[in-house]
Amino acid sequence: QLVESGGGLVQTGGSLRLSCASSGRILNFDVMGWYRQVPGKPRELVATITSGGSTNYADFVAGRFTISRDNAKNTMYREMNSLKPEDTDVYYCNAEKVVNVEGDVARSWGQGTKVTVSS
């Protein structure tokens, strides 16, 4: 089970840190990430981090967000700086694990946390 926290209302240019706490060991996951979703559209990748610590960011992040993980706390984080009104969204935590040699993937999602950036 994944539980996000840290969302809320912030002014343009402000910062927030989102957390994603796992009920299990996050080292069991091959990849964890953050996605965003505007109602009526598919979820969009924001950032990912592998079990080895490699990170990947969407182009629109442009160096403003940092994804990290604390394996001892079984928690993933995303630091968001220089927030813009267009960053307003519901952000979802995701965890994936390859379950067999065929490459099938088991995915888990959190319930989402709302971020609102006021102009």
N, C-alpha and C. Protein backbone atom coordinates (compact mmCIF):
# COMPACT_ATOMS: atom_id res chain seq x y z
N GLN A 1 0.84 -1.19 0.00
CA GLN A 1 0.00 0.00 0.00
C GLN A 1 0.89 1.25 0.00
N LEU A 2 0.50 2.20 -0.85
CA LEU A 2 1.24 3.45 -0.96
C LEU A 2 0.35 4.59 -0.48
N VAL A 3 0.89 5.47 0.32
CA VAL A 3 0.13 6.59 0.85
C VAL A 3 0.91 7.87 0.63
N GLU A 4 0.31 8.78 -0.15
CA GLU A 4 0.95 10.07 -0.41
C GLU A 4 0.56 11.09 0.65
N SER A 5 1.41 12.06 0.83
CA SER A 5 1.11 13.18 1.70
C SER A 5 1.95 14.36 1.27
N GLY A 6 1.60 15.53 1.80
CA GLY A 6 2.40 16.72 1.53
C GLY A 6 1.80 17.69 0.55
N GLY A 7 0.69 17.32 -0.07
CA GLY A 7 0.06 18.25 -0.99
C GLY A 7 -0.59 19.40 -0.26
N GLY A 8 -1.01 20.40 -1.01
CA GLY A 8 -1.67 21.55 -0.40
C GLY A 8 -1.65 22.74 -1.31
N LEU A 9 -1.90 23.90 -0.73
CA LEU A 9 -1.95 25.16 -1.47
C LEU A 9 -0.65 25.93 -1.25
N VAL A 10 -0.09 26.40 -2.34
CA VAL A 10 1.15 27.16 -2.26
C VAL A 10 1.10 28.27 -3.30
N GLN A 11 1.82 29.34 -3.06
CA GLN A 11 1.86 30.44 -4.02
C GLN A 11 2.88 30.17 -5.12
N THR A 12 2.71 30.85 -6.22
CA THR A 12 3.67 30.75 -7.32
C THR A 12 5.07 31.04 -6.82
N GLY A 13 6.01 30.20 -7.21
CA GLY A 13 7.39 30.35 -6.77
C GLY A 13 7.71 29.62 -5.49
N GLY A 14 6.69 29.09 -4.85
CA GLY A 14 6.89 28.39 -3.60
C GLY A 14 7.37 26.96 -3.77
N SER A 15 7.48 26.26 -2.65
CA SER A 15 8.00 24.88 -2.64
C SER A 15 7.09 23.97 -1.83
N LEU A 16 7.11 22.71 -2.19
CA LEU A 16 6.42 21.67 -1.44
C LEU A 16 7.24 20.40 -1.52
N ARG A 17 7.09 19.55 -0.51
CA ARG A 17 7.71 18.22 -0.58
C ARG A 17 6.61 17.18 -0.41
N LEU A 18 6.47 16.35 -1.42
CA LEU A 18 5.51 15.26 -1.36
C LEU A 18 6.21 14.00 -0.85
N SER A 19 5.48 13.21 -0.09
CA SER A 19 6.01 11.95 0.41
C SER A 19 5.11 10.81 -0.04
N CYS A 20 5.71 9.65 -0.23
CA CYS A 20 4.98 8.44 -0.58
C CYS A 20 5.50 7.34 0.34
N ALA A 21 4.70 6.97 1.30
CA ALA A 21 5.10 5.95 2.26
C ALA A 21 4.55 4.60 1.85
N SER A 22 5.41 3.60 1.89
CA SER A 22 5.01 2.24 1.53
C SER A 22 4.84 1.40 2.77
N SER A 23 3.82 0.53 2.75
CA SER A 23 3.62 -0.38 3.88
C SER A 23 4.61 -1.52 3.84
N GLY A 24 5.28 -1.69 2.70
CA GLY A 24 6.29 -2.72 2.55
C GLY A 24 7.65 -2.12 2.25
N ARG A 25 8.64 -2.98 2.04
CA ARG A 25 9.99 -2.52 1.76
C ARG A 25 10.07 -1.98 0.35
N ILE A 26 10.48 -0.74 0.19
CA ILE A 26 10.53 -0.17 -1.15
C ILE A 26 11.67 -0.76 -1.97
N LEU A 27 12.61 -1.41 -1.32
CA LEU A 27 13.66 -2.09 -2.07
C LEU A 27 13.10 -3.25 -2.88
N ASN A 28 11.88 -3.67 -2.55
CA ASN A 28 11.24 -4.73 -3.33
C ASN A 28 10.76 -4.22 -4.68
N PHE A 29 10.67 -2.91 -4.84
CA PHE A 29 10.21 -2.34 -6.09
C PHE A 29 11.39 -2.03 -7.01
N ASP A 30 11.21 -2.31 -8.30
CA ASP A 30 12.27 -1.99 -9.26
C ASP A 30 12.30 -0.50 -9.57
N VAL A 31 11.12 0.08 -9.66
CA VAL A 31 11.01 1.50 -9.99
C VAL A 31 9.88 2.11 -9.16
N MET A 32 10.10 3.32 -8.69
CA MET A 32 9.04 4.10 -8.08
C MET A 32 8.98 5.44 -8.79
N GLY A 33 7.80 6.05 -8.78
CA GLY A 33 7.69 7.31 -9.49
C GLY A 33 6.50 8.15 -9.08
N TRP A 34 6.48 9.33 -9.64
CA TRP A 34 5.37 10.26 -9.45
C TRP A 34 4.73 10.54 -10.80
N TYR A 35 3.42 10.55 -10.81
CA TYR A 35 2.65 10.86 -12.00
C TYR A 35 1.65 11.96 -11.63
N ARG A 36 1.19 12.67 -12.64
CA ARG A 36 0.16 13.66 -12.42
C ARG A 36 -1.00 13.38 -13.36
N GLN A 37 -2.16 13.87 -12.96
CA GLN A 37 -3.33 13.63 -13.80
C GLN A 37 -4.31 14.78 -13.70
N VAL A 38 -4.60 15.33 -14.85
CA VAL A 38 -5.67 16.30 -14.98
C VAL A 38 -6.94 15.53 -15.32
N PRO A 39 -8.07 15.87 -14.70
CA PRO A 39 -9.31 15.14 -15.00
C PRO A 39 -9.57 15.05 -16.49
N GLY A 40 -9.88 13.84 -16.94
CA GLY A 40 -10.19 13.63 -18.35
C GLY A 40 -9.00 13.30 -19.21
N LYS A 41 -7.81 13.28 -18.61
CA LYS A 41 -6.60 12.97 -19.38
C LYS A 41 -5.86 11.81 -18.72
N PRO A 42 -5.02 11.11 -19.48
CA PRO A 42 -4.24 10.01 -18.90
C PRO A 42 -3.23 10.54 -17.88
N ARG A 43 -2.81 9.65 -17.00
CA ARG A 43 -1.76 10.03 -16.05
C ARG A 43 -0.47 10.25 -16.81
N GLU A 44 0.27 11.26 -16.38
CA GLU A 44 1.50 11.66 -17.06
C GLU A 44 2.68 11.51 -16.12
N LEU A 45 3.76 10.94 -16.64
CA LEU A 45 4.96 10.75 -15.84
C LEU A 45 5.57 12.09 -15.45
N VAL A 46 5.95 12.19 -14.18
CA VAL A 46 6.67 13.37 -13.70
C VAL A 46 8.13 13.01 -13.44
N ALA A 47 8.35 11.95 -12.68
CA ALA A 47 9.71 11.54 -12.35
C ALA A 47 9.71 10.11 -11.86
N THR A 48 10.82 9.42 -12.07
CA THR A 48 10.97 8.06 -11.55
C THR A 48 12.34 7.90 -10.91
N ILE A 49 12.42 6.89 -10.05
CA ILE A 49 13.70 6.55 -9.42
C ILE A 49 13.74 5.03 -9.29
N THR A 50 14.86 4.44 -9.69
CA THR A 50 15.00 3.00 -9.63
C THR A 50 15.50 2.56 -8.26
N SER A 51 15.50 1.25 -8.06
CA SER A 51 16.00 0.72 -6.79
C SER A 51 17.49 1.02 -6.62
N GLY A 52 18.16 1.24 -7.76
CA GLY A 52 19.57 1.59 -7.70
C GLY A 52 19.83 3.08 -7.55
N GLY A 53 18.73 3.88 -7.58
CA GLY A 53 18.89 5.31 -7.38
C GLY A 53 18.96 6.14 -8.65
N SER A 54 18.84 5.51 -9.81
CA SER A 54 18.85 6.27 -11.05
C SER A 54 17.53 7.02 -11.21
N THR A 55 17.62 8.26 -11.66
CA THR A 55 16.42 9.10 -11.76
C THR A 55 16.14 9.49 -13.19
N ASN A 56 14.87 9.81 -13.44
CA ASN A 56 14.43 10.26 -14.75
C ASN A 56 13.33 11.29 -14.53
N TYR A 57 13.38 12.38 -15.32
CA TYR A 57 12.41 13.45 -15.15
C TYR A 57 11.75 13.80 -16.47
N ALA A 58 10.49 14.20 -16.39
CA ALA A 58 9.81 14.73 -17.57
C ALA A 58 10.42 16.08 -17.94
N ASP A 59 10.35 16.42 -19.21
CA ASP A 59 10.96 17.66 -19.67
C ASP A 59 10.39 18.89 -18.97
N PHE A 60 9.10 18.86 -18.66
CA PHE A 60 8.48 20.05 -18.08
C PHE A 60 8.95 20.31 -16.64
N VAL A 61 9.62 19.33 -16.03
CA VAL A 61 10.16 19.53 -14.69
C VAL A 61 11.27 20.56 -14.71
N ALA A 62 12.12 20.50 -15.75
CA ALA A 62 13.14 21.51 -16.02
C ALA A 62 13.99 21.84 -14.80
N GLY A 63 14.40 20.82 -14.06
CA GLY A 63 15.29 21.05 -12.94
C GLY A 63 14.62 21.57 -11.68
N ARG A 64 13.30 21.70 -11.70
CA ARG A 64 12.62 22.26 -10.53
C ARG A 64 12.27 21.21 -9.48
N PHE A 65 12.17 19.95 -9.89
CA PHE A 65 11.76 18.89 -8.98
C PHE A 65 12.92 17.93 -8.75
N THR A 66 12.96 17.35 -7.56
CA THR A 66 13.95 16.34 -7.23
C THR A 66 13.26 15.15 -6.59
N ILE A 67 13.49 13.98 -7.15
CA ILE A 67 12.92 12.76 -6.59
C ILE A 67 14.00 12.03 -5.80
N SER A 68 13.61 11.44 -4.68
CA SER A 68 14.58 10.73 -3.86
C SER A 68 13.85 9.63 -3.09
N ARG A 69 14.60 8.76 -2.47
CA ARG A 69 13.99 7.69 -1.69
C ARG A 69 14.83 7.41 -0.46
N ASP A 70 14.17 7.07 0.63
CA ASP A 70 14.84 6.68 1.87
C ASP A 70 14.44 5.23 2.12
N ASN A 71 15.33 4.32 1.78
CA ASN A 71 15.00 2.90 1.90
C ASN A 71 14.75 2.48 3.34
N ALA A 72 15.44 3.11 4.28
CA ALA A 72 15.26 2.76 5.69
C ALA A 72 13.86 3.13 6.18
N LYS A 73 13.31 4.20 5.62
CA LYS A 73 11.97 4.66 6.01
C LYS A 73 10.89 4.15 5.06
N ASN A 74 11.31 3.42 4.03
CA ASN A 74 10.35 2.92 3.04
C ASN A 74 9.49 4.05 2.48
N THR A 75 10.14 5.14 2.16
CA THR A 75 9.43 6.33 1.71
C THR A 75 10.15 6.96 0.52
N MET A 76 9.36 7.41 -0.45
CA MET A 76 9.88 8.15 -1.59
C MET A 76 9.44 9.60 -1.44
N TYR A 77 10.25 10.53 -1.94
CA TYR A 77 9.95 11.94 -1.81
C TYR A 77 10.03 12.63 -3.16
N ARG A 78 9.38 13.77 -3.25
CA ARG A 78 9.59 14.64 -4.40
C ARG A 78 9.59 16.08 -3.90
N GLU A 79 10.71 16.73 -4.03
CA GLU A 79 10.84 18.13 -3.67
C GLU A 79 10.49 18.94 -4.90
N MET A 80 9.56 19.88 -4.73
CA MET A 80 9.13 20.71 -5.84
C MET A 80 9.44 22.16 -5.51
N ASN A 81 10.21 22.80 -6.35
CA ASN A 81 10.58 24.20 -6.17
C ASN A 81 10.10 25.02 -7.36
N SER A 82 10.09 26.32 -7.18
CA SER A 82 9.69 27.24 -8.24
C SER A 82 8.36 26.82 -8.86
N LEU A 83 7.40 26.56 -8.01
CA LEU A 83 6.12 26.06 -8.50
C LEU A 83 5.38 27.10 -9.32
N LYS A 84 4.67 26.61 -10.33
CA LYS A 84 3.91 27.44 -11.24
C LYS A 84 2.44 27.04 -11.18
N PRO A 85 1.54 27.94 -11.55
CA PRO A 85 0.12 27.57 -11.56
C PRO A 85 -0.17 26.32 -12.40
N GLU A 86 0.58 26.13 -13.47
CA GLU A 86 0.36 24.94 -14.30
C GLU A 86 0.81 23.65 -13.63
N ASP A 87 1.47 23.74 -12.47
CA ASP A 87 1.80 22.54 -11.72
C ASP A 87 0.61 22.06 -10.88
N THR A 88 -0.46 22.83 -10.86
CA THR A 88 -1.66 22.43 -10.13
C THR A 88 -2.19 21.13 -10.71
N ASP A 89 -2.34 20.13 -9.84
CA ASP A 89 -2.71 18.81 -10.32
C ASP A 89 -2.89 17.87 -9.13
N VAL A 90 -3.38 16.69 -9.40
CA VAL A 90 -3.35 15.60 -8.42
C VAL A 90 -2.14 14.74 -8.76
N TYR A 91 -1.30 14.50 -7.80
CA TYR A 91 -0.07 13.74 -8.03
C TYR A 91 -0.19 12.37 -7.37
N TYR A 92 0.19 11.36 -8.13
CA TYR A 92 0.06 9.98 -7.69
C TYR A 92 1.43 9.33 -7.56
N CYS A 93 1.58 8.55 -6.52
CA CYS A 93 2.78 7.74 -6.31
C CYS A 93 2.58 6.39 -6.98
N ASN A 94 3.63 5.89 -7.59
CA ASN A 94 3.57 4.61 -8.30
C ASN A 94 4.77 3.76 -7.93
N ALA A 95 4.55 2.45 -7.85
CA ALA A 95 5.65 1.51 -7.61
C ALA A 95 5.47 0.32 -8.53
N GLU A 96 6.56 -0.13 -9.13
CA GLU A 96 6.50 -1.23 -10.09
C GLU A 96 7.56 -2.27 -9.79
N LYS A 97 7.17 -3.53 -10.06
CA LYS A 97 8.10 -4.63 -9.89
C LYS A 97 7.90 -5.63 -11.01
N VAL A 98 8.99 -6.03 -11.64
CA VAL A 98 8.93 -7.08 -12.65
C VAL A 98 8.73 -8.41 -11.91
N VAL A 99 7.70 -9.17 -12.32
CA VAL A 99 7.33 -10.35 -11.55
C VAL A 99 7.72 -11.67 -12.20
N ASN A 100 8.14 -11.63 -13.47
CA ASN A 100 8.54 -12.89 -14.09
C ASN A 100 9.52 -12.63 -15.24
N VAL A 101 10.03 -13.71 -15.81
CA VAL A 101 11.03 -13.57 -16.86
C VAL A 101 10.44 -13.02 -18.15
N GLU A 102 9.09 -13.08 -18.26
CA GLU A 102 8.46 -12.52 -19.44
C GLU A 102 8.37 -11.00 -19.36
N GLY A 103 8.69 -10.44 -18.21
CA GLY A 103 8.68 -9.00 -18.07
C GLY A 103 7.38 -8.40 -17.60
N ASP A 104 6.45 -9.24 -17.17
CA ASP A 104 5.20 -8.71 -16.64
C ASP A 104 5.49 -7.87 -15.40
N VAL A 105 4.72 -6.80 -15.26
CA VAL A 105 4.98 -5.83 -14.19
C VAL A 105 3.78 -5.73 -13.28
N ALA A 106 4.03 -5.77 -11.99
CA ALA A 106 2.99 -5.50 -10.98
C ALA A 106 3.10 -4.03 -10.58
N ARG A 107 1.99 -3.33 -10.64
CA ARG A 107 1.98 -1.89 -10.34
C ARG A 107 1.09 -1.60 -9.14
N SER A 108 1.53 -0.66 -8.35
CA SER A 108 0.73 -0.17 -7.23
C SER A 108 0.62 1.34 -7.34
N TRP A 109 -0.53 1.86 -6.92
CA TRP A 109 -0.76 3.30 -6.97
C TRP A 109 -1.25 3.79 -5.61
N GLY A 110 -0.86 5.01 -5.29
CA GLY A 110 -1.41 5.66 -4.13
C GLY A 110 -2.73 6.32 -4.47
N GLN A 111 -3.33 6.95 -3.49
CA GLN A 111 -4.65 7.54 -3.69
C GLN A 111 -4.58 8.94 -4.30
N GLY A 112 -3.38 9.52 -4.36
CA GLY A 112 -3.21 10.84 -4.93
C GLY A 112 -3.21 11.93 -3.87
N THR A 113 -2.45 12.97 -4.15
CA THR A 113 -2.44 14.14 -3.27
C THR A 113 -2.54 15.38 -4.14
N LYS A 114 -3.38 16.30 -3.74
CA LYS A 114 -3.66 17.48 -4.56
C LYS A 114 -2.68 18.60 -4.26
N VAL A 115 -2.14 19.16 -5.32
CA VAL A 115 -1.27 20.34 -5.22
C VAL A 115 -1.94 21.48 -5.97
N THR A 116 -2.11 22.60 -5.32
CA THR A 116 -2.69 23.78 -5.94
C THR A 116 -1.72 24.93 -5.81
N VAL A 117 -1.36 25.50 -6.96
CA VAL A 117 -0.44 26.63 -6.98
C VAL A 117 -1.23 27.88 -7.38
N SER A 118 -1.29 28.83 -6.50
CA SER A 118 -2.05 30.05 -6.77
C SER A 118 -1.15 31.09 -7.44
N SER A 119 -1.77 31.85 -8.32
CA SER A 119 -1.00 32.87 -9.05
C SER A 119 -0.98 34.20 -8.31
